């Protein structure tokens, strides 16, 4: 009877050890399964210390400034683009905003000054409205430059800039008019041949406020002085 009990206990122990070993093997196999490894990798990513925000922005070869350089980014957008949306206070729509796509230049190639110049005719409501109410906004996007990659233009990392202020008519006999013509005609040679009887005139945007989004976290604070002074103590911005 004692021998039988010993054998029974031994059988139970061996059976229990066998099941424990089998269970451990199953656990080891589960830990090596693709599903387990995927969960483990995802957990490591979540626990990893966050990388600096700059790491998410692709590096481009054309000198796109870092997100921390707000004034540089704003000036870069103004220098690289050649067109944007100019919005005025419509005299035909009871004061409603009116926006139009226009060409512009902020300087000859390699000599960006930050001030947008326009070649407009009063046959277009944009110029006609500005002569009655100078309040204006001018919006640029990084997307046409091709440096946003495959992301949507509204994505915060695809920079957008809005300059607001007053659209001023420039005296055609002034030295500034000569500078503006050189800037416009260099980037937009076609303008030289536009009809004389359309009476095109040169306008500039006198900047009062700046709205820039080039990363997550909302608009970047930039004063007109910071914007216009940027680059004066270093080489002039390279414009397209």
Protein backbone atom coordinates (compact mmCIF):
# COMPACT_ATOMS: atom_id res chain seq x y z
CA UNK A 1 0.00 0.00 0.00
CA UNK A 2 2.87 2.35 0.86
CA UNK A 3 4.64 1.43 -2.38
CA UNK A 4 1.46 2.18 -4.29
CA UNK A 5 1.19 5.58 -2.65
CA UNK A 6 4.83 6.32 -3.51
CA UNK A 7 4.29 5.40 -7.14
CA UNK A 8 1.11 7.42 -7.27
CA UNK A 9 2.82 10.47 -5.80
CA UNK A 10 5.73 10.03 -8.20
CA UNK A 11 3.36 9.79 -11.12
CA UNK A 12 1.51 12.89 -10.04
CA UNK A 13 4.79 14.82 -9.58
CA UNK A 14 6.17 13.73 -12.94
CA UNK A 15 2.88 14.54 -14.61
CA UNK A 16 2.85 17.98 -12.98
CA UNK A 17 6.46 18.64 -14.00
CA UNK A 18 5.65 17.59 -17.54
CA UNK A 19 2.74 20.03 -17.73
CA UNK A 20 4.83 22.82 -16.23
CA UNK A 21 7.58 22.21 -18.77
CA UNK A 22 5.07 22.13 -21.61
CA UNK A 23 3.47 25.36 -20.41
CA UNK A 24 6.89 27.05 -20.20
CA UNK A 25 7.69 25.91 -23.74
CA UNK A 26 4.41 27.31 -25.02
CA UNK A 27 5.17 30.61 -23.29
CA UNK A 28 8.63 30.74 -24.85
CA UNK A 29 7.17 30.02 -28.29
CA UNK A 30 4.53 32.73 -27.79
CA UNK A 31 7.21 35.23 -26.84
CA UNK A 32 8.99 34.53 -30.12
CA UNK A 33 5.87 34.78 -32.26
CA UNK A 34 5.59 37.66 -34.76
CA UNK A 35 2.56 39.05 -32.93
CA UNK A 36 4.40 39.14 -29.61
CA UNK A 37 7.49 40.72 -31.18
CA UNK A 38 5.34 43.41 -32.82
CA UNK A 39 3.72 44.29 -29.50
CA UNK A 40 7.11 44.29 -27.80
CA UNK A 41 8.57 46.64 -30.43
CA UNK A 42 5.60 48.99 -30.16
CA UNK A 43 6.01 49.09 -26.38
CA UNK A 44 9.67 50.03 -26.75
CA UNK A 45 8.74 52.87 -29.09
CA UNK A 46 6.23 54.22 -26.58
CA UNK A 47 8.73 54.04 -23.72
CA UNK A 48 11.58 55.58 -25.68
CA UNK A 49 12.44 59.18 -24.83
CA UNK A 50 10.89 61.60 -27.35
CA UNK A 51 13.18 62.95 -30.06
CA UNK A 52 13.56 66.67 -30.69
CA UNK A 53 10.88 68.16 -32.97
CA UNK A 54 13.50 69.04 -35.58
CA UNK A 55 14.11 65.37 -36.27
CA UNK A 56 10.71 65.06 -37.96
CA UNK A 57 11.40 67.67 -40.64
CA UNK A 58 13.03 66.33 -43.81
CA UNK A 59 16.37 67.87 -44.70
CA UNK A 60 16.24 69.62 -48.06
CA UNK A 61 19.04 70.93 -50.21
CA UNK A 62 17.67 74.40 -50.89
CA UNK A 63 18.35 75.95 -47.51
CA UNK A 64 14.95 75.59 -45.87
CA UNK A 65 15.36 76.98 -42.33
CA UNK A 66 14.67 74.95 -39.20
CA UNK A 67 11.30 75.38 -37.43
CA UNK A 68 13.02 77.30 -34.65
CA UNK A 69 14.08 80.02 -37.12
CA UNK A 70 10.78 81.81 -37.65
CA UNK A 71 12.06 85.02 -39.25
CA UNK A 72 14.37 83.05 -41.52
CA UNK A 73 11.51 80.81 -42.62
CA UNK A 74 9.26 83.77 -43.39
CA UNK A 75 11.95 85.46 -45.46
CA UNK A 76 12.79 82.18 -47.19
CA UNK A 77 9.16 81.74 -48.24
CA UNK A 78 9.02 85.30 -49.58
CA UNK A 79 12.28 84.87 -51.48
CA UNK A 80 11.53 81.47 -53.00
CA UNK A 81 7.93 81.98 -54.11
CA UNK A 82 6.92 83.99 -57.16
CA UNK A 83 3.13 84.13 -56.65
CA UNK A 84 0.56 84.17 -53.87
CA UNK A 85 -2.99 85.22 -52.97
CA UNK A 86 -3.55 88.95 -52.52
CA UNK A 87 -6.73 89.84 -50.62
CA UNK A 88 -8.26 93.31 -50.51
CA UNK A 89 -11.45 94.88 -49.16
CA UNK A 90 -13.88 94.69 -52.07
CA UNK A 91 -15.66 97.88 -53.07
CA UNK A 92 -18.07 95.87 -55.23
CA UNK A 93 -19.15 93.39 -52.54
CA UNK A 94 -20.06 95.72 -49.67
CA UNK A 95 -16.70 95.44 -47.96
CA UNK A 96 -16.30 91.66 -48.25
CA UNK A 97 -12.73 90.38 -48.74
CA UNK A 98 -11.68 89.69 -52.31
CA UNK A 99 -8.73 87.41 -53.06
CA UNK A 100 -6.82 86.99 -56.29
CA UNK A 101 -3.75 85.04 -57.42
CA UNK A 102 -0.99 87.50 -58.31
CA UNK A 103 2.68 87.41 -59.27
CA UNK A 104 5.18 89.31 -57.15
CA UNK A 105 8.85 89.73 -56.35
CA UNK A 106 10.69 90.78 -53.21
CA UNK A 107 13.96 91.44 -55.02
CA UNK A 108 16.16 90.29 -57.86
CA UNK A 109 17.52 86.73 -57.63
CA UNK A 110 20.04 86.62 -54.80
CA UNK A 111 18.92 90.00 -53.43
CA UNK A 112 15.76 89.36 -51.43
CA UNK A 113 14.55 92.35 -49.39
CA UNK A 114 11.33 90.87 -47.95
CA UNK A 115 8.96 93.54 -49.31
CA UNK A 116 6.56 92.14 -51.94
CA UNK A 117 6.20 94.26 -55.09
CA UNK A 118 3.29 93.82 -57.52
CA UNK A 119 2.56 94.90 -61.11
CA UNK A 120 -1.18 95.51 -61.19
CA UNK A 121 -3.83 97.14 -63.35
CA UNK A 122 -7.01 98.80 -62.14
CA UNK A 123 -8.86 96.66 -64.67
CA UNK A 124 -8.40 94.05 -61.95
CA UNK A 125 -10.51 94.60 -58.80
CA UNK A 126 -7.45 93.92 -56.62
CA UNK A 127 -5.69 97.16 -57.55
CA UNK A 128 -8.94 99.10 -57.87
CA UNK A 129 -9.98 98.12 -54.35
CA UNK A 130 -6.54 98.94 -52.91
CA UNK A 131 -6.77 102.50 -54.21
CA UNK A 132 -9.94 102.94 -52.17
CA UNK A 133 -8.99 100.90 -49.11
CA UNK A 134 -5.32 100.01 -48.61
CA UNK A 135 -5.94 97.23 -46.08
CA UNK A 136 -4.52 94.06 -47.61
CA UNK A 137 -3.27 90.57 -46.81
CA UNK A 138 -0.89 88.47 -48.87
CA UNK A 139 -0.63 84.70 -48.37
CA UNK A 140 2.15 82.35 -49.46
CA UNK A 141 2.48 78.58 -49.15
CA UNK A 142 5.53 76.35 -49.16
CA UNK A 143 3.66 73.69 -51.13
CA UNK A 144 4.37 75.10 -54.65
CA UNK A 145 8.09 74.96 -53.90
CA UNK A 146 7.97 71.14 -53.76
CA UNK A 147 9.66 70.93 -50.35
CA UNK A 148 6.63 69.65 -48.42
CA UNK A 149 6.99 66.12 -49.77
CA UNK A 150 3.78 64.11 -49.91
CA UNK A 151 2.02 65.78 -46.99
CA UNK A 152 -1.13 67.86 -47.40
CA UNK A 153 -0.66 71.66 -47.86
CA UNK A 154 -2.67 72.24 -44.68
CA UNK A 155 -0.29 70.11 -42.61
CA UNK A 156 1.46 72.45 -40.11
CA UNK A 157 4.91 71.29 -41.23
CA UNK A 158 4.19 72.66 -44.71
CA UNK A 159 4.85 76.33 -43.99
CA UNK A 160 2.41 79.12 -44.80
CA UNK A 161 2.89 82.85 -44.41
CA UNK A 162 0.38 85.71 -44.37
CA UNK A 163 1.60 89.30 -44.46
CA UNK A 164 -1.01 91.93 -43.64
CA UNK A 165 -0.74 95.66 -44.02
CA UNK A 166 -1.39 98.35 -46.62
CA UNK A 167 -1.05 98.05 -50.38
CA UNK A 168 0.71 101.23 -51.48
CA UNK A 169 1.02 102.67 -54.99
CA UNK A 170 4.65 103.55 -55.75
CA UNK A 171 5.63 106.79 -57.43
CA UNK A 172 6.72 105.71 -60.94
CA UNK A 173 9.48 108.36 -60.94
CA UNK A 174 11.06 107.19 -57.67
CA UNK A 175 14.21 105.14 -57.21
CA UNK A 176 12.11 102.52 -55.46
CA UNK A 177 10.07 102.12 -58.65
CA UNK A 178 13.29 101.32 -60.53
CA UNK A 179 14.24 98.74 -57.90
CA UNK A 180 10.75 97.22 -58.00
CA UNK A 181 10.71 97.01 -61.81
CA UNK A 182 14.07 95.26 -61.85
CA UNK A 183 12.84 92.80 -59.22
CA UNK A 184 9.56 92.10 -61.02
CA UNK A 185 10.84 91.95 -64.59
CA UNK A 186 13.76 89.70 -63.66
CA UNK A 187 11.51 87.06 -62.14
CA UNK A 188 8.58 87.68 -64.50
CA UNK A 189 10.01 88.65 -67.92
CA UNK A 190 6.58 88.35 -69.53
CA UNK A 191 5.46 91.48 -67.65
CA UNK A 192 7.55 93.70 -69.94
CA UNK A 193 5.24 92.86 -72.83
CA UNK A 194 1.91 93.33 -71.09
CA UNK A 195 -0.42 95.81 -72.86
CA UNK A 196 0.49 99.46 -72.27
CA UNK A 197 -3.15 100.52 -72.52
CA UNK A 198 -3.91 98.44 -69.39
CA UNK A 199 -1.90 100.99 -67.42
CA UNK A 200 -0.08 98.61 -65.10
CA UNK A 201 1.30 100.24 -61.97
CA UNK A 202 3.73 99.15 -59.28
CA UNK A 203 2.44 98.52 -55.78
CA UNK A 204 4.15 97.34 -52.61
CA UNK A 205 2.87 95.82 -49.39
CA UNK A 206 3.67 97.91 -46.33
CA UNK A 207 3.81 95.13 -43.73
CA UNK A 208 2.09 95.64 -40.38
CA UNK A 209 1.55 92.07 -39.11
CA UNK A 210 2.99 88.64 -39.85
CA UNK A 211 1.32 85.24 -39.44
CA UNK A 212 3.55 82.19 -39.90
CA UNK A 213 2.91 78.50 -39.33
CA UNK A 214 5.80 76.18 -40.12
CA UNK A 215 5.49 73.50 -37.41
CA UNK A 216 3.16 72.23 -34.71
CA UNK A 217 2.21 74.55 -31.86
CA UNK A 218 0.43 77.41 -33.58
CA UNK A 219 1.64 80.59 -35.28
CA UNK A 220 5.13 81.96 -34.64
CA UNK A 221 5.41 85.52 -33.31
CA UNK A 222 7.42 87.70 -35.72
CA UNK A 223 7.48 91.48 -35.79
CA UNK A 224 7.82 93.36 -39.10
CA UNK A 225 11.17 94.67 -37.84
CA UNK A 226 12.49 91.15 -37.17
CA UNK A 227 11.27 90.06 -40.59
CA UNK A 228 12.76 92.99 -42.53
CA UNK A 229 16.02 93.15 -40.58
CA UNK A 230 16.74 89.44 -41.00
CA UNK A 231 19.73 88.86 -43.24
CA UNK A 232 21.14 92.40 -43.11
CA UNK A 233 24.00 91.26 -40.90
CA UNK A 234 24.73 88.22 -43.07
CA UNK A 235 24.73 87.25 -46.72
CA UNK A 236 21.57 88.17 -48.62
CA UNK A 237 19.03 85.40 -48.94
CA UNK A 238 19.27 83.34 -52.07
CA UNK A 239 16.02 83.77 -53.95
CA UNK A 240 14.69 81.80 -56.89
